[in-house]
Amino acid sequence: MSILVFDSGIGGLSVLREARILMPEHRFIYVGDNAGFPYGDWEEEALTERIVGIFEGLIAKFQPKMAVVACNTASTLILPTLRAHFDIPFVGTVPAIKPAAERTSSGMISVLATPGTVKRDYTKKLIGEFAREVDVRLVGTTALAQFAEDYMMGRPIDETMILNEITPCFKELDGRRTDIIVLACTHYPFLANVMRRLAPWPVDWLNPAEAIARHGLSLMQGVEPDDPNLEEFDDLALMTKTIEDRSMRRLLTGFGLRVLSLN
């Protein structure tokens, strides 16, 4: 029995990092659907079918105590379906629009996300519920998740292209400026320092990873941890496609994960 942390690739490691800090007594299994990466351009029905199928196998094999869907694109689409299918708690990752709306001084925020997250009704519902009085700009990008993976694995990245992707987030109106950018993809926090340096003016880059981990911790109160003396107590990284890239394998093992393939 363990805690699953699921993402389309390796961006969910930003959530895993925080979850391990708050719940060190539990065993984690990180699941990266690198065979399906990136999720941003998938059709909703096909992506739903894929993710449910992956979780069917994972839950049958590992009988986890909880699952964290560390992916905004997947969470805004599939959380109700997962909760209806499986009898374990699910923690989702949704755009941090509410805290951004509460914290903004200028009344202007942007949500930097994949196109899938931008177009979801769930995202629009969050804006309507928590940010009616705030100027919210939704910015969809198909490139940043891959840039983040490249950056994490030590590959060169084109900073000019990154600047082009984030520039629409910065808005000026009547002497006011965007002051908060919601990082609505778990890959993006790994690029935060690069984006901060390239930004035309300082903003708060809102990373929800700690809040997601704290929600998970609240659901695990009173749940007995795994026995750390078990031989199979190692935290695992399960990837849906065999890793041929040494940089990715090195990154995962650097997180203290034993790397396996789901296939």
Protein backbone atom coordinates (compact mmCIF):
# COMPACT_ATOMS: atom_id res chain seq x y z
CA MET A 1 0.00 0.00 0.00
CA SER A 2 1.46 3.30 -1.11
CA ILE A 3 0.65 6.77 -2.42
CA LEU A 4 0.50 7.18 -6.20
CA VAL A 5 1.63 10.44 -7.78
CA PHE A 6 0.58 10.57 -11.43
CA ASP A 7 1.57 12.95 -14.23
CA SER A 8 1.87 13.02 -18.00
CA GLY A 9 5.65 13.19 -17.72
CA ILE A 10 8.10 14.32 -15.06
CA GLY A 11 6.56 17.65 -14.09
CA GLY A 12 4.71 16.02 -11.20
CA LEU A 13 8.06 15.61 -9.48
CA SER A 14 7.46 19.15 -8.20
CA VAL A 15 4.47 17.80 -6.26
CA LEU A 16 6.25 14.61 -5.22
CA ARG A 17 9.05 16.70 -3.72
CA GLU A 18 6.62 18.56 -1.44
CA ALA A 19 4.61 15.44 -0.59
CA ARG A 20 7.71 13.59 0.58
CA ILE A 21 8.62 16.47 2.88
CA LEU A 22 5.19 16.43 4.51
CA MET A 23 4.67 12.65 4.53
CA PRO A 24 8.13 11.07 4.89
CA GLU A 25 6.75 7.97 6.56
CA HIS A 26 4.85 6.88 3.46
CA ARG A 27 6.05 5.07 0.35
CA PHE A 28 5.52 6.86 -2.97
CA ILE A 29 5.09 5.49 -6.45
CA TYR A 30 5.59 8.11 -9.12
CA VAL A 31 3.83 7.30 -12.39
CA GLY A 32 4.79 9.18 -15.53
CA ASP A 33 2.78 8.61 -18.69
CA ASN A 34 5.69 9.49 -20.94
CA ALA A 35 4.14 7.41 -23.74
CA GLY A 36 1.20 9.83 -23.77
CA PHE A 37 3.13 13.06 -23.14
CA PRO A 38 2.16 15.83 -23.71
CA TYR A 39 -1.50 15.83 -22.67
CA GLY A 40 -2.29 19.38 -23.77
CA ASP A 41 -3.49 18.50 -27.29
CA TRP A 42 -5.34 15.23 -26.53
CA GLU A 43 -9.05 14.89 -27.27
CA GLU A 44 -10.99 14.64 -24.03
CA GLU A 45 -12.65 11.26 -24.62
CA ALA A 46 -9.43 9.56 -25.68
CA LEU A 47 -7.46 11.01 -22.77
CA THR A 48 -10.13 9.98 -20.27
CA GLU A 49 -10.11 6.41 -21.57
CA ARG A 50 -6.33 6.27 -21.44
CA ILE A 51 -5.98 7.57 -17.89
CA VAL A 52 -8.76 5.39 -16.47
CA GLY A 53 -7.09 2.36 -18.06
CA ILE A 54 -3.74 3.22 -16.52
CA PHE A 55 -5.28 3.65 -13.07
CA GLU A 56 -7.15 0.34 -13.33
CA GLY A 57 -3.84 -1.45 -13.63
CA LEU A 58 -2.07 0.62 -10.99
CA ILE A 59 -4.77 0.27 -8.35
CA ALA A 60 -5.16 -3.47 -8.93
CA LYS A 61 -1.41 -4.01 -8.62
CA PHE A 62 -0.42 -1.64 -5.82
CA GLN A 63 -3.66 -1.11 -3.82
CA PRO A 64 -2.66 2.46 -2.96
CA LYS A 65 -4.01 4.41 -0.01
CA MET A 66 -4.36 7.56 -2.08
CA ALA A 67 -3.61 8.93 -5.54
CA VAL A 68 -2.41 12.40 -6.43
CA VAL A 69 -3.13 13.48 -9.98
CA ALA A 70 -0.22 15.93 -10.29
CA CYS A 71 -1.34 17.25 -13.66
CA ASN A 72 -3.70 20.18 -14.28
CA THR A 73 -4.73 18.99 -17.73
CA ALA A 74 -5.77 15.58 -16.44
CA SER A 75 -7.29 16.84 -13.18
CA THR A 76 -9.58 19.41 -14.81
CA LEU A 77 -10.88 16.65 -17.07
CA ILE A 78 -11.00 13.39 -15.20
CA LEU A 79 -11.19 13.73 -11.41
CA PRO A 80 -14.96 13.06 -11.15
CA THR A 81 -14.56 9.97 -13.35
CA LEU A 82 -11.68 8.60 -11.27
CA ARG A 83 -13.56 9.18 -8.02
CA ALA A 84 -16.60 7.39 -9.42
CA HIS A 85 -14.55 4.41 -10.65
CA PHE A 86 -12.24 3.80 -7.70
CA ASP A 87 -12.72 3.60 -3.95
CA ILE A 88 -9.65 5.55 -2.85
CA PRO A 89 -9.19 9.28 -2.24
CA PHE A 90 -7.91 11.35 -5.16
CA VAL A 91 -6.10 14.65 -4.81
CA GLY A 92 -6.30 16.80 -7.90
CA THR A 93 -4.23 19.64 -9.28
CA VAL A 94 -6.33 22.55 -10.44
CA PRO A 95 -5.34 26.12 -11.32
CA ALA A 96 -4.70 28.15 -8.15
CA ILE A 97 -7.14 30.85 -9.22
CA LYS A 98 -8.73 31.32 -5.79
CA PRO A 99 -5.50 32.11 -3.89
CA ALA A 100 -4.28 34.28 -6.76
CA ALA A 101 -7.51 36.29 -6.71
CA GLU A 102 -7.21 36.70 -2.94
CA ARG A 103 -3.59 37.87 -3.09
CA THR A 104 -3.50 40.18 -6.11
CA SER A 105 -2.91 43.85 -5.39
CA SER A 106 -3.46 45.11 -8.93
CA GLY A 107 -6.55 43.03 -9.60
CA MET A 108 -4.87 41.50 -12.63
CA ILE A 109 -3.70 37.89 -12.79
CA SER A 110 -2.79 35.43 -15.54
CA VAL A 111 -3.14 31.66 -15.69
CA LEU A 112 -0.33 29.98 -17.62
CA ALA A 113 -1.47 26.51 -18.66
CA THR A 114 -1.75 23.96 -21.43
CA PRO A 115 -4.45 24.56 -24.06
CA GLY A 116 -6.43 21.70 -22.54
CA THR A 117 -6.57 23.35 -19.11
CA VAL A 118 -7.38 26.76 -20.61
CA LYS A 119 -10.43 25.48 -22.49
CA ARG A 120 -11.89 23.33 -19.68
CA ASP A 121 -15.24 24.34 -18.22
CA TYR A 122 -13.71 23.55 -14.82
CA THR A 123 -11.22 26.40 -15.23
CA LYS A 124 -13.94 28.83 -16.27
CA LYS A 125 -16.01 27.71 -13.28
CA LEU A 126 -13.13 28.53 -10.92
CA ILE A 127 -12.90 32.01 -12.40
CA GLY A 128 -16.64 32.56 -12.08
CA GLU A 129 -16.69 31.33 -8.50
CA PHE A 130 -13.56 32.92 -7.08
CA ALA A 131 -12.35 35.67 -9.41
CA ARG A 132 -15.38 37.58 -10.67
CA GLU A 133 -13.91 40.91 -9.60
CA VAL A 134 -10.46 40.14 -11.00
CA ASP A 135 -9.09 40.60 -14.51
CA VAL A 136 -8.02 37.02 -15.40
CA ARG A 137 -6.05 36.32 -18.54
CA LEU A 138 -5.86 32.68 -19.68
CA VAL A 139 -2.69 31.85 -21.60
CA GLY A 140 -2.39 28.45 -23.26
CA THR A 141 0.98 27.16 -24.39
CA THR A 142 1.87 23.91 -26.11
CA ALA A 143 5.63 24.32 -25.75
CA LEU A 144 6.49 25.06 -22.12
CA ALA A 145 5.99 21.53 -20.76
CA GLN A 146 8.58 20.19 -23.18
CA PHE A 147 10.91 23.11 -22.43
CA ALA A 148 10.56 22.25 -18.73
CA GLU A 149 11.42 18.59 -19.33
CA ASP A 150 14.44 19.59 -21.40
CA TYR A 151 15.58 22.02 -18.72
CA MET A 152 15.18 19.45 -15.94
CA MET A 153 17.31 16.99 -17.88
CA GLY A 154 20.07 19.47 -18.60
CA ARG A 155 19.36 19.98 -22.27
CA PRO A 156 19.73 23.39 -23.91
CA ILE A 157 16.58 25.51 -24.11
CA ASP A 158 15.71 28.47 -26.32
CA GLU A 159 15.06 31.36 -23.92
CA THR A 160 13.74 33.55 -26.72
CA MET A 161 10.99 31.02 -27.37
CA ILE A 162 10.22 30.78 -23.65
CA LEU A 163 9.90 34.57 -23.49
CA ASN A 164 7.51 34.45 -26.45
CA GLU A 165 5.38 31.88 -24.60
CA ILE A 166 5.11 33.88 -21.36
CA THR A 167 4.83 37.40 -22.80
CA PRO A 168 1.00 37.22 -23.24
CA CYS A 169 0.74 36.77 -19.45
CA PHE A 170 1.91 40.33 -18.88
CA LYS A 171 -0.86 42.89 -19.25
CA GLU A 172 -0.94 46.63 -18.53
CA LEU A 173 -4.20 48.55 -18.20
CA ASP A 174 -4.95 52.00 -16.77
CA GLY A 175 -1.68 52.13 -14.87
CA ARG A 176 -2.11 48.61 -13.46
CA ARG A 177 -0.05 45.53 -14.27
CA THR A 178 -0.38 41.80 -13.92
CA ASP A 179 1.14 40.94 -10.54
CA ILE A 180 0.47 37.18 -10.20
CA ILE A 181 0.92 34.38 -12.73
CA VAL A 182 -0.64 31.05 -11.79
CA LEU A 183 1.56 28.13 -12.88
CA ALA A 184 -1.25 25.83 -13.96
CA CYS A 185 0.95 22.95 -15.05
CA THR A 186 3.17 21.01 -12.67
CA HIS A 187 6.02 21.16 -15.19
CA TYR A 188 6.24 24.93 -15.07
CA PRO A 189 7.68 25.45 -11.55
CA PHE A 190 10.92 23.89 -12.79
CA LEU A 191 11.21 26.80 -15.24
CA ALA A 192 10.25 29.45 -12.68
CA ASN A 193 13.75 30.85 -12.24
CA VAL A 194 14.20 31.14 -15.99
CA MET A 195 10.82 32.81 -16.45
CA ARG A 196 11.45 35.13 -13.52
CA ARG A 197 14.69 36.31 -15.12
CA LEU A 198 13.06 36.82 -18.53
CA ALA A 199 9.92 38.54 -17.26
CA PRO A 200 9.35 42.19 -18.30
CA TRP A 201 8.53 43.06 -14.67
CA PRO A 202 8.48 41.21 -11.34
CA VAL A 203 5.43 39.07 -10.58
CA ASP A 204 4.53 36.36 -8.09
CA TRP A 205 4.78 32.98 -9.85
CA LEU A 206 2.20 30.94 -7.94
CA ASN A 207 3.26 27.30 -7.53
CA PRO A 208 0.48 25.11 -6.05
CA ALA A 209 2.70 22.09 -5.23
CA GLU A 210 2.84 22.67 -1.47
CA ALA A 211 -0.92 23.24 -1.24
CA ILE A 212 -1.54 20.00 -3.14
CA ALA A 213 0.75 18.10 -0.77
CA ARG A 214 -0.97 19.62 2.28
CA HIS A 215 -4.34 18.51 0.97
CA GLY A 216 -2.95 15.02 0.58
CA LEU A 217 -1.58 15.12 4.13
CA SER A 218 -5.02 16.04 5.47
CA LEU A 219 -6.54 12.99 3.76
CA MET A 220 -3.86 10.70 5.19
CA GLN A 221 -4.42 11.63 8.82
CA GLY A 222 -4.84 8.45 10.85
CA VAL A 223 -3.66 6.17 8.03
CA GLU A 224 -0.93 3.79 9.14
CA PRO A 225 2.34 4.25 7.23
CA ASP A 226 4.12 1.45 5.44
CA ASP A 227 6.67 -0.64 7.30
CA PRO A 228 10.05 0.90 6.36
CA ASN A 229 11.74 -2.46 6.99
CA LEU A 230 10.01 -4.06 4.01
CA GLU A 231 12.35 -4.96 1.17
CA GLU A 232 10.02 -3.30 -1.34
CA PHE A 233 9.83 0.00 0.52
CA ASP A 234 11.82 1.88 -2.13
CA ASP A 235 10.02 4.77 -3.77
CA LEU A 236 9.43 3.87 -7.40
CA ALA A 237 9.16 5.66 -10.72
CA LEU A 238 6.96 3.78 -13.16
CA MET A 239 6.97 5.05 -16.73
CA THR A 240 4.52 3.95 -19.41
CA LYS A 241 7.28 3.83 -22.01
CA THR A 242 10.74 2.39 -21.46
CA ILE A 243 13.20 5.20 -20.81
CA GLU A 244 15.90 5.33 -23.44
CA ASP A 245 17.07 8.80 -22.49
CA ARG A 246 19.87 8.63 -19.92
CA SER A 247 19.13 12.18 -18.78
CA MET A 248 15.59 11.28 -17.75
CA ARG A 249 16.74 8.14 -15.95
CA ARG A 250 19.43 10.14 -14.18
CA LEU A 251 16.87 12.75 -13.12
CA LEU A 252 14.50 10.16 -11.67
CA THR A 253 17.22 8.28 -9.82
CA GLY A 254 18.46 11.63 -8.55
CA PHE A 255 15.07 11.99 -6.86
CA GLY A 256 15.78 8.71 -5.09
CA LEU A 257 13.39 6.71 -7.26
CA ARG A 258 13.92 3.17 -8.50
CA VAL A 259 12.97 3.32 -12.18
CA LEU A 260 10.74 0.66 -13.71
CA SER A 261 8.55 0.40 -16.78
CA LEU A 262 4.81 -0.31 -16.70
CA ASN A 263 5.12 -2.29 -19.93
